[in-house]
Amino acid sequence: MIKGYLLIKLVPGLESSALSQIRAIPGVTDLNLVFGGWDAIATAESKSLFELSRIIISEVRSVQGVQDTSTLVQGEL
């Protein structure tokens, strides 16, 4: 299982709607509002890196109100 942590910047005024839409995306397992350089952190899980990329690019980034994302892919030692 591939796990990614998505750092998300939201458009002011569209936060609530965007967060609701992101929570409904299959593969997104957790979503938290945060304060600082980013507005939210989501956790997404998939069976492959290709599928994780699809979730981020086709689903999360297409939500109205998502301004920017940065993804951290979980690694193991």
PDB file of N, CA and C in Angstrom:
ATOM      1  N   MET A   1       0.850  -1.175   0.000  1.00  0.00           N
ATOM      2  CA  MET A   1       0.000   0.000   0.000  1.00  0.00           C
ATOM      3  C   MET A   1       0.898   1.240   0.000  1.00  0.00           C
ATOM      4  N   ILE A   2       0.605   2.183  -0.871  1.00  0.00           N
ATOM      5  CA  ILE A   2       1.335   3.445  -0.970  1.00  0.00           C
ATOM      6  C   ILE A   2       0.540   4.505  -0.220  1.00  0.00           C
ATOM      7  N   LYS A   3       1.224   5.244   0.645  1.00  0.00           N
ATOM      8  CA  LYS A   3       0.563   6.304   1.401  1.00  0.00           C
ATOM      9  C   LYS A   3       1.224   7.631   1.070  1.00  0.00           C
ATOM     10  N   GLY A   4       0.399   8.643   0.821  1.00  0.00           N
ATOM     11  CA  GLY A   4       0.901   9.979   0.545  1.00  0.00           C
ATOM     12  C   GLY A   4       0.266  10.990   1.467  1.00  0.00           C
ATOM     13  N   TYR A   5       1.048  11.984   1.838  1.00  0.00           N
ATOM     14  CA  TYR A   5       0.561  13.094   2.650  1.00  0.00           C
ATOM     15  C   TYR A   5       0.495  14.306   1.731  1.00  0.00           C
ATOM     16  N   LEU A   6      -0.699  14.859   1.568  1.00  0.00           N
ATOM     17  CA  LEU A   6      -0.919  15.954   0.641  1.00  0.00           C
ATOM     18  C   LEU A   6      -1.039  17.258   1.408  1.00  0.00           C
ATOM     19  N   LEU A   7      -0.112  18.166   1.160  1.00  0.00           N
ATOM     20  CA  LEU A   7      -0.174  19.503   1.733  1.00  0.00           C
ATOM     21  C   LEU A   7      -0.984  20.345   0.757  1.00  0.00           C
ATOM     22  N   ILE A   8      -2.020  21.015   1.256  1.00  0.00           N
ATOM     23  CA  ILE A   8      -2.967  21.683   0.378  1.00  0.00           C
ATOM     24  C   ILE A   8      -3.137  23.148   0.766  1.00  0.00           C
ATOM     25  N   LYS A   9      -3.029  24.044  -0.230  1.00  0.00           N
ATOM     26  CA  LYS A   9      -3.363  25.461  -0.053  1.00  0.00           C
ATOM     27  C   LYS A   9      -4.739  25.674  -0.661  1.00  0.00           C
ATOM     28  N   LEU A  10      -5.592  26.394   0.079  1.00  0.00           N
ATOM     29  CA  LEU A  10      -6.964  26.617  -0.361  1.00  0.00           C
ATOM     30  C   LEU A  10      -7.199  28.082  -0.677  1.00  0.00           C
ATOM     31  N   VAL A  11      -8.168  28.345  -1.547  1.00  0.00           N
ATOM     32  CA  VAL A  11      -8.563  29.702  -1.899  1.00  0.00           C
ATOM     33  C   VAL A  11      -9.410  30.255  -0.754  1.00  0.00           C
ATOM     34  N   PRO A  12      -9.064  31.426  -0.226  1.00  0.00           N
ATOM     35  CA  PRO A  12      -9.862  32.005   0.856  1.00  0.00           C
ATOM     36  C   PRO A  12     -11.338  32.137   0.463  1.00  0.00           C
ATOM     37  N   GLY A  13     -12.200  31.728   1.366  1.00  0.00           N
ATOM     38  CA  GLY A  13     -13.637  31.782   1.133  1.00  0.00           C
ATOM     39  C   GLY A  13     -14.214  30.489   0.586  1.00  0.00           C
ATOM     40  N   LEU A  14     -13.363  29.612   0.062  1.00  0.00           N
ATOM     41  CA  LEU A  14     -13.836  28.343  -0.502  1.00  0.00           C
ATOM     42  C   LEU A  14     -13.385  27.139   0.331  1.00  0.00           C
ATOM     43  N   GLU A  15     -12.834  27.395   1.510  1.00  0.00           N
ATOM     44  CA  GLU A  15     -12.272  26.323   2.327  1.00  0.00           C
ATOM     45  C   GLU A  15     -13.287  25.237   2.662  1.00  0.00           C
ATOM     46  N   SER A  16     -14.425  25.619   3.175  1.00  0.00           N
ATOM     47  CA  SER A  16     -15.419  24.645   3.643  1.00  0.00           C
ATOM     48  C   SER A  16     -15.883  23.728   2.520  1.00  0.00           C
ATOM     49  N   SER A  17     -16.212  24.305   1.385  1.00  0.00           N
ATOM     50  CA  SER A  17     -16.663  23.525   0.236  1.00  0.00           C
ATOM     51  C   SER A  17     -15.571  22.603  -0.272  1.00  0.00           C
ATOM     52  N   ALA A  18     -14.355  23.128  -0.371  1.00  0.00           N
ATOM     53  CA  ALA A  18     -13.232  22.321  -0.863  1.00  0.00           C
ATOM     54  C   ALA A  18     -12.938  21.158   0.073  1.00  0.00           C
ATOM     55  N   LEU A  19     -12.942  21.401   1.370  1.00  0.00           N
ATOM     56  CA  LEU A  19     -12.666  20.333   2.330  1.00  0.00           C
ATOM     57  C   LEU A  19     -13.722  19.242   2.247  1.00  0.00           C
ATOM     58  N   SER A  20     -14.982  19.611   2.089  1.00  0.00           N
ATOM     59  CA  SER A  20     -16.059  18.617   1.956  1.00  0.00           C
ATOM     60  C   SER A  20     -15.860  17.752   0.721  1.00  0.00           C
ATOM     61  N   GLN A  21     -15.479  18.384  -0.387  1.00  0.00           N
ATOM     62  CA  GLN A  21     -15.266  17.639  -1.627  1.00  0.00           C
ATOM     63  C   GLN A  21     -14.053  16.714  -1.529  1.00  0.00           C
ATOM     64  N   ILE A  22     -12.983  17.183  -0.891  1.00  0.00           N
ATOM     65  CA  ILE A  22     -11.782  16.357  -0.750  1.00  0.00           C
ATOM     66  C   ILE A  22     -12.063  15.148   0.129  1.00  0.00           C
ATOM     67  N   ARG A  23     -12.816  15.345   1.218  1.00  0.00           N
ATOM     68  CA  ARG A  23     -13.160  14.229   2.119  1.00  0.00           C
ATOM     69  C   ARG A  23     -13.912  13.117   1.389  1.00  0.00           C
ATOM     70  N   ALA A  24     -14.665  13.476   0.359  1.00  0.00           N
ATOM     71  CA  ALA A  24     -15.495  12.514  -0.369  1.00  0.00           C
ATOM     72  C   ALA A  24     -14.726  11.742  -1.445  1.00  0.00           C
ATOM     73  N   ILE A  25     -13.483  12.085  -1.691  1.00  0.00           N
ATOM     74  CA  ILE A  25     -12.691  11.433  -2.739  1.00  0.00           C
ATOM     75  C   ILE A  25     -12.269  10.038  -2.275  1.00  0.00           C
ATOM     76  N   PRO A  26     -12.587   9.003  -3.052  1.00  0.00           N
ATOM     77  CA  PRO A  26     -12.123   7.656  -2.702  1.00  0.00           C
ATOM     78  C   PRO A  26     -10.596   7.610  -2.657  1.00  0.00           C
ATOM     79  N   GLY A  27     -10.053   7.033  -1.607  1.00  0.00           N
ATOM     80  CA  GLY A  27      -8.611   6.970  -1.421  1.00  0.00           C
ATOM     81  C   GLY A  27      -8.107   7.969  -0.404  1.00  0.00           C
ATOM     82  N   VAL A  28      -8.863   9.041  -0.175  1.00  0.00           N
ATOM     83  CA  VAL A  28      -8.490  10.008   0.866  1.00  0.00           C
ATOM     84  C   VAL A  28      -8.986   9.445   2.187  1.00  0.00           C
ATOM     85  N   THR A  29      -8.053   9.134   3.086  1.00  0.00           N
ATOM     86  CA  THR A  29      -8.406   8.464   4.336  1.00  0.00           C
ATOM     87  C   THR A  29      -8.471   9.401   5.532  1.00  0.00           C
ATOM     88  N   ASP A  30      -7.889  10.586   5.411  1.00  0.00           N
ATOM     89  CA  ASP A  30      -7.895  11.535   6.518  1.00  0.00           C
ATOM     90  C   ASP A  30      -7.680  12.930   5.952  1.00  0.00           C
ATOM     91  N   LEU A  31      -8.267  13.927   6.608  1.00  0.00           N
ATOM     92  CA  LEU A  31      -8.107  15.313   6.180  1.00  0.00           C
ATOM     93  C   LEU A  31      -8.206  16.211   7.396  1.00  0.00           C
ATOM     94  N   ASN A  32      -7.216  17.082   7.566  1.00  0.00           N
ATOM     95  CA  ASN A  32      -7.182  17.981   8.716  1.00  0.00           C
ATOM     96  C   ASN A  32      -6.879  19.401   8.277  1.00  0.00           C
ATOM     97  N   LEU A  33      -7.605  20.351   8.830  1.00  0.00           N
ATOM     98  CA  LEU A  33      -7.343  21.768   8.641  1.00  0.00           C
ATOM     99  C   LEU A  33      -6.160  22.124   9.528  1.00  0.00           C
ATOM    100  N   VAL A  34      -5.196  22.849   8.987  1.00  0.00           N
ATOM    101  CA  VAL A  34      -4.018  23.258   9.754  1.00  0.00           C
ATOM    102  C   VAL A  34      -3.757  24.742   9.532  1.00  0.00           C
ATOM    103  N   PHE A  35      -2.907  25.310  10.358  1.00  0.00           N
ATOM    104  CA  PHE A  35      -2.544  26.716  10.228  1.00  0.00           C
ATOM    105  C   PHE A  35      -1.051  26.810   9.987  1.00  0.00           C
ATOM    106  N   GLY A  36      -0.648  27.736   9.141  1.00  0.00           N
ATOM    107  CA  GLY A  36       0.763  27.895   8.788  1.00  0.00           C
ATOM    108  C   GLY A  36       0.887  28.100   7.300  1.00  0.00           C
ATOM    109  N   GLY A  37       1.924  27.532   6.714  1.00  0.00           N
ATOM    110  CA  GLY A  37       2.169  27.689   5.283  1.00  0.00           C
ATOM    111  C   GLY A  37       1.168  26.951   4.411  1.00  0.00           C
ATOM    112  N   TRP A  38       0.500  25.962   4.967  1.00  0.00           N
ATOM    113  CA  TRP A  38      -0.501  25.174   4.253  1.00  0.00           C
ATOM    114  C   TRP A  38      -1.817  25.261   5.012  1.00  0.00           C
ATOM    115  N   ASP A  39      -2.923  25.013   4.333  1.00  0.00           N
ATOM    116  CA  ASP A  39      -4.245  25.124   4.952  1.00  0.00           C
ATOM    117  C   ASP A  39      -4.816  23.782   5.395  1.00  0.00           C
ATOM    118  N   ALA A  40      -4.386  22.706   4.754  1.00  0.00           N
ATOM    119  CA  ALA A  40      -4.910  21.379   5.092  1.00  0.00           C
ATOM    120  C   ALA A  40      -3.865  20.323   4.776  1.00  0.00           C
ATOM    121  N   ILE A  41      -3.969  19.202   5.491  1.00  0.00           N
ATOM    122  CA  ILE A  41      -3.134  18.034   5.206  1.00  0.00           C
ATOM    123  C   ILE A  41      -4.070  16.847   5.048  1.00  0.00           C
ATOM    124  N   ALA A  42      -3.972  16.188   3.902  1.00  0.00           N
ATOM    125  CA  ALA A  42      -4.782  14.994   3.638  1.00  0.00           C
ATOM    126  C   ALA A  42      -3.858  13.785   3.566  1.00  0.00           C
ATOM    127  N   THR A  43      -4.392  12.637   3.939  1.00  0.00           N
ATOM    128  CA  THR A  43      -3.690  11.378   3.771  1.00  0.00           C
ATOM    129  C   THR A  43      -4.443  10.591   2.710  1.00  0.00           C
ATOM    130  N   ALA A  44      -3.712  10.075   1.737  1.00  0.00           N
ATOM    131  CA  ALA A  44      -4.317   9.263   0.687  1.00  0.00           C
ATOM    132  C   ALA A  44      -3.568   7.943   0.593  1.00  0.00           C
ATOM    133  N   GLU A  45      -4.311   6.879   0.338  1.00  0.00           N
ATOM    134  CA  GLU A  45      -3.711   5.556   0.196  1.00  0.00           C
ATOM    135  C   GLU A  45      -4.176   4.926  -1.105  1.00  0.00           C
ATOM    136  N   SER A  46      -3.266   4.172  -1.729  1.00  0.00           N
ATOM    137  CA  SER A  46      -3.603   3.482  -2.971  1.00  0.00           C
ATOM    138  C   SER A  46      -2.714   2.246  -3.099  1.00  0.00           C
ATOM    139  N   LYS A  47      -3.028   1.418  -4.079  1.00  0.00           N
ATOM    140  CA  LYS A  47      -2.262   0.190  -4.292  1.00  0.00           C
ATOM    141  C   LYS A  47      -0.977   0.434  -5.065  1.00  0.00           C
ATOM    142  N   SER A  48      -0.898   1.576  -5.780  1.00  0.00           N
ATOM    143  CA  SER A  48       0.293   1.852  -6.579  1.00  0.00           C
ATOM    144  C   SER A  48       0.570   3.352  -6.616  1.00  0.00           C
ATOM    145  N   LEU A  49       1.793   3.699  -6.978  1.00  0.00           N
ATOM    146  CA  LEU A  49       2.156   5.102  -7.128  1.00  0.00           C
ATOM    147  C   LEU A  49       1.360   5.733  -8.264  1.00  0.00           C
ATOM    148  N   PHE A  50       1.102   4.969  -9.311  1.00  0.00           N
ATOM    149  CA  PHE A  50       0.291   5.465 -10.426  1.00  0.00           C
ATOM    150  C   PHE A  50      -1.102   5.858  -9.938  1.00  0.00           C
ATOM    151  N   GLU A  51      -1.723   5.011  -9.136  1.00  0.00           N
ATOM    152  CA  GLU A  51      -3.065   5.297  -8.614  1.00  0.00           C
ATOM    153  C   GLU A  51      -3.042   6.498  -7.672  1.00  0.00           C
ATOM    154  N   LEU A  52      -2.010   6.620  -6.850  1.00  0.00           N
ATOM    155  CA  LEU A  52      -1.883   7.782  -5.972  1.00  0.00           C
ATOM    156  C   LEU A  52      -1.771   9.059  -6.799  1.00  0.00           C
ATOM    157  N   SER A  53      -1.001   9.012  -7.869  1.00  0.00           N
ATOM    158  CA  SER A  53      -0.868  10.168  -8.766  1.00  0.00           C
ATOM    159  C   SER A  53      -2.206  10.552  -9.365  1.00  0.00           C
ATOM    160  N   ARG A  54      -3.002   9.550  -9.749  1.00  0.00           N
ATOM    161  CA  ARG A  54      -4.322   9.821 -10.318  1.00  0.00           C
ATOM    162  C   ARG A  54      -5.232  10.499  -9.297  1.00  0.00           C
ATOM    163  N   ILE A  55      -5.205  10.028  -8.063  1.00  0.00           N
ATOM    164  CA  ILE A  55      -6.020  10.646  -7.009  1.00  0.00           C
ATOM    165  C   ILE A  55      -5.652  12.117  -6.846  1.00  0.00           C
ATOM    166  N   ILE A  56      -4.366  12.393  -6.813  1.00  0.00           N
ATOM    167  CA  ILE A  56      -3.907  13.765  -6.594  1.00  0.00           C
ATOM    168  C   ILE A  56      -4.219  14.657  -7.792  1.00  0.00           C
ATOM    169  N   ILE A  57      -3.817  14.217  -8.971  1.00  0.00           N
ATOM    170  CA  ILE A  57      -3.949  15.060 -10.161  1.00  0.00           C
ATOM    171  C   ILE A  57      -5.394  15.167 -10.643  1.00  0.00           C
ATOM    172  N   SER A  58      -6.077  14.044 -10.770  1.00  0.00           N
ATOM    173  CA  SER A  58      -7.427  14.045 -11.340  1.00  0.00           C
ATOM    174  C   SER A  58      -8.513  14.406 -10.347  1.00  0.00           C
ATOM    175  N   GLU A  59      -8.280  14.130  -9.077  1.00  0.00           N
ATOM    176  CA  GLU A  59      -9.337  14.335  -8.089  1.00  0.00           C
ATOM    177  C   GLU A  59      -9.081  15.567  -7.209  1.00  0.00           C
ATOM    178  N   VAL A  60      -8.020  15.524  -6.423  1.00  0.00           N
ATOM    179  CA  VAL A  60      -7.785  16.598  -5.454  1.00  0.00           C
ATOM    180  C   VAL A  60      -7.535  17.935  -6.147  1.00  0.00           C
ATOM    181  N   ARG A  61      -6.658  17.963  -7.125  1.00  0.00           N
ATOM    182  CA  ARG A  61      -6.315  19.232  -7.788  1.00  0.00           C
ATOM    183  C   ARG A  61      -7.462  19.795  -8.617  1.00  0.00           C
ATOM    184  N   SER A  62      -8.454  18.970  -8.935  1.00  0.00           N
ATOM    185  CA  SER A  62      -9.584  19.471  -9.721  1.00  0.00           C
ATOM    186  C   SER A  62     -10.690  20.063  -8.854  1.00  0.00           C
ATOM    187  N   VAL A  63     -10.568  19.965  -7.538  1.00  0.00           N
ATOM    188  CA  VAL A  63     -11.570  20.525  -6.632  1.00  0.00           C
ATOM    189  C   VAL A  63     -11.496  22.051  -6.677  1.00  0.00           C
ATOM    190  N   GLN A  64     -12.653  22.682  -6.880  1.00  0.00           N
ATOM    191  CA  GLN A  64     -12.693  24.144  -6.874  1.00  0.00           C
ATOM    192  C   GLN A  64     -12.334  24.637  -5.475  1.00  0.00           C
ATOM    193  N   GLY A  65     -11.352  25.498  -5.391  1.00  0.00           N
ATOM    194  CA  GLY A  65     -10.890  26.004  -4.110  1.00  0.00           C
ATOM    195  C   GLY A  65      -9.506  25.499  -3.739  1.00  0.00           C
ATOM    196  N   VAL A  66      -9.015  24.481  -4.447  1.00  0.00           N
ATOM    197  CA  VAL A  66      -7.648  24.007  -4.221  1.00  0.00           C
ATOM    198  C   VAL A  66      -6.718  24.859  -5.076  1.00  0.00           C
ATOM    199  N   GLN A  67      -5.822  25.561  -4.401  1.00  0.00           N
ATOM    200  CA  GLN A  67      -4.918  26.483  -5.087  1.00  0.00           C
ATOM    201  C   GLN A  67      -3.577  25.831  -5.421  1.00  0.00           C
ATOM    202  N   ASP A  68      -3.068  24.987  -4.511  1.00  0.00           N
ATOM    203  CA  ASP A  68      -1.751  24.394  -4.702  1.00  0.00           C
ATOM    204  C   ASP A  68      -1.662  23.135  -3.846  1.00  0.00           C
ATOM    205  N   THR A  69      -0.822  22.186  -4.271  1.00  0.00           N
ATOM    206  CA  THR A  69      -0.584  20.980  -3.472  1.00  0.00           C
ATOM    207  C   THR A  69       0.899  20.632  -3.523  1.00  0.00           C
ATOM    208  N   SER A  70       1.318  19.908  -2.508  1.00  0.00           N
ATOM    209  CA  SER A  70       2.640  19.307  -2.484  1.00  0.00           C
ATOM    210  C   SER A  70       2.454  17.950  -1.823  1.00  0.00           C
ATOM    211  N   THR A  71       3.053  16.911  -2.383  1.00  0.00           N
ATOM    212  CA  THR A  71       2.829  15.563  -1.884  1.00  0.00           C
ATOM    213  C   THR A  71       4.104  14.960  -1.322  1.00  0.00           C
ATOM    214  N   LEU A  72       3.972  14.357  -0.165  1.00  0.00           N
ATOM    215  CA  LEU A  72       5.059  13.623   0.473  1.00  0.00           C
ATOM    216  C   LEU A  72       4.662  12.166   0.455  1.00  0.00           C
ATOM    217  N   VAL A  73       5.465  11.317  -0.177  1.00  0.00           N
ATOM    218  CA  VAL A  73       5.176   9.899  -0.263  1.00  0.00           C
ATOM    219  C   VAL A  73       5.902   9.188   0.879  1.00  0.00           C
ATOM    220  N   GLN A  74       5.151   8.369   1.619  1.00  0.00           N
ATOM    221  CA  GLN A  74       5.726   7.658   2.754  1.00  0.00           C
ATOM    222  C   GLN A  74       6.788   6.672   2.273  1.00  0.00           C
ATOM    223  N   GLY A  75       7.894   6.629   2.977  1.00  0.00           N
ATOM    224  CA  GLY A  75       8.960   5.689   2.660  1.00  0.00           C
ATOM    225  C   GLY A  75       9.217   4.765   3.838  1.00  0.00           C
ATOM    226  N   GLU A  76       9.993   3.732   3.586  1.00  0.00           N
ATOM    227  CA  GLU A  76      10.348   2.785   4.638  1.00  0.00           C
ATOM    228  C   GLU A  76      11.842   2.518   4.585  1.00  0.00           C
ATOM    229  N   LEU A  77      12.428   2.288   5.742  1.00  0.00           N
ATOM    230  CA  LEU A  77      13.854   1.981   5.830  1.00  0.00           C
ATOM    231  C   LEU A  77      14.044   0.525   6.157  1.00  0.00           C
TER     232      LEU A  77
END
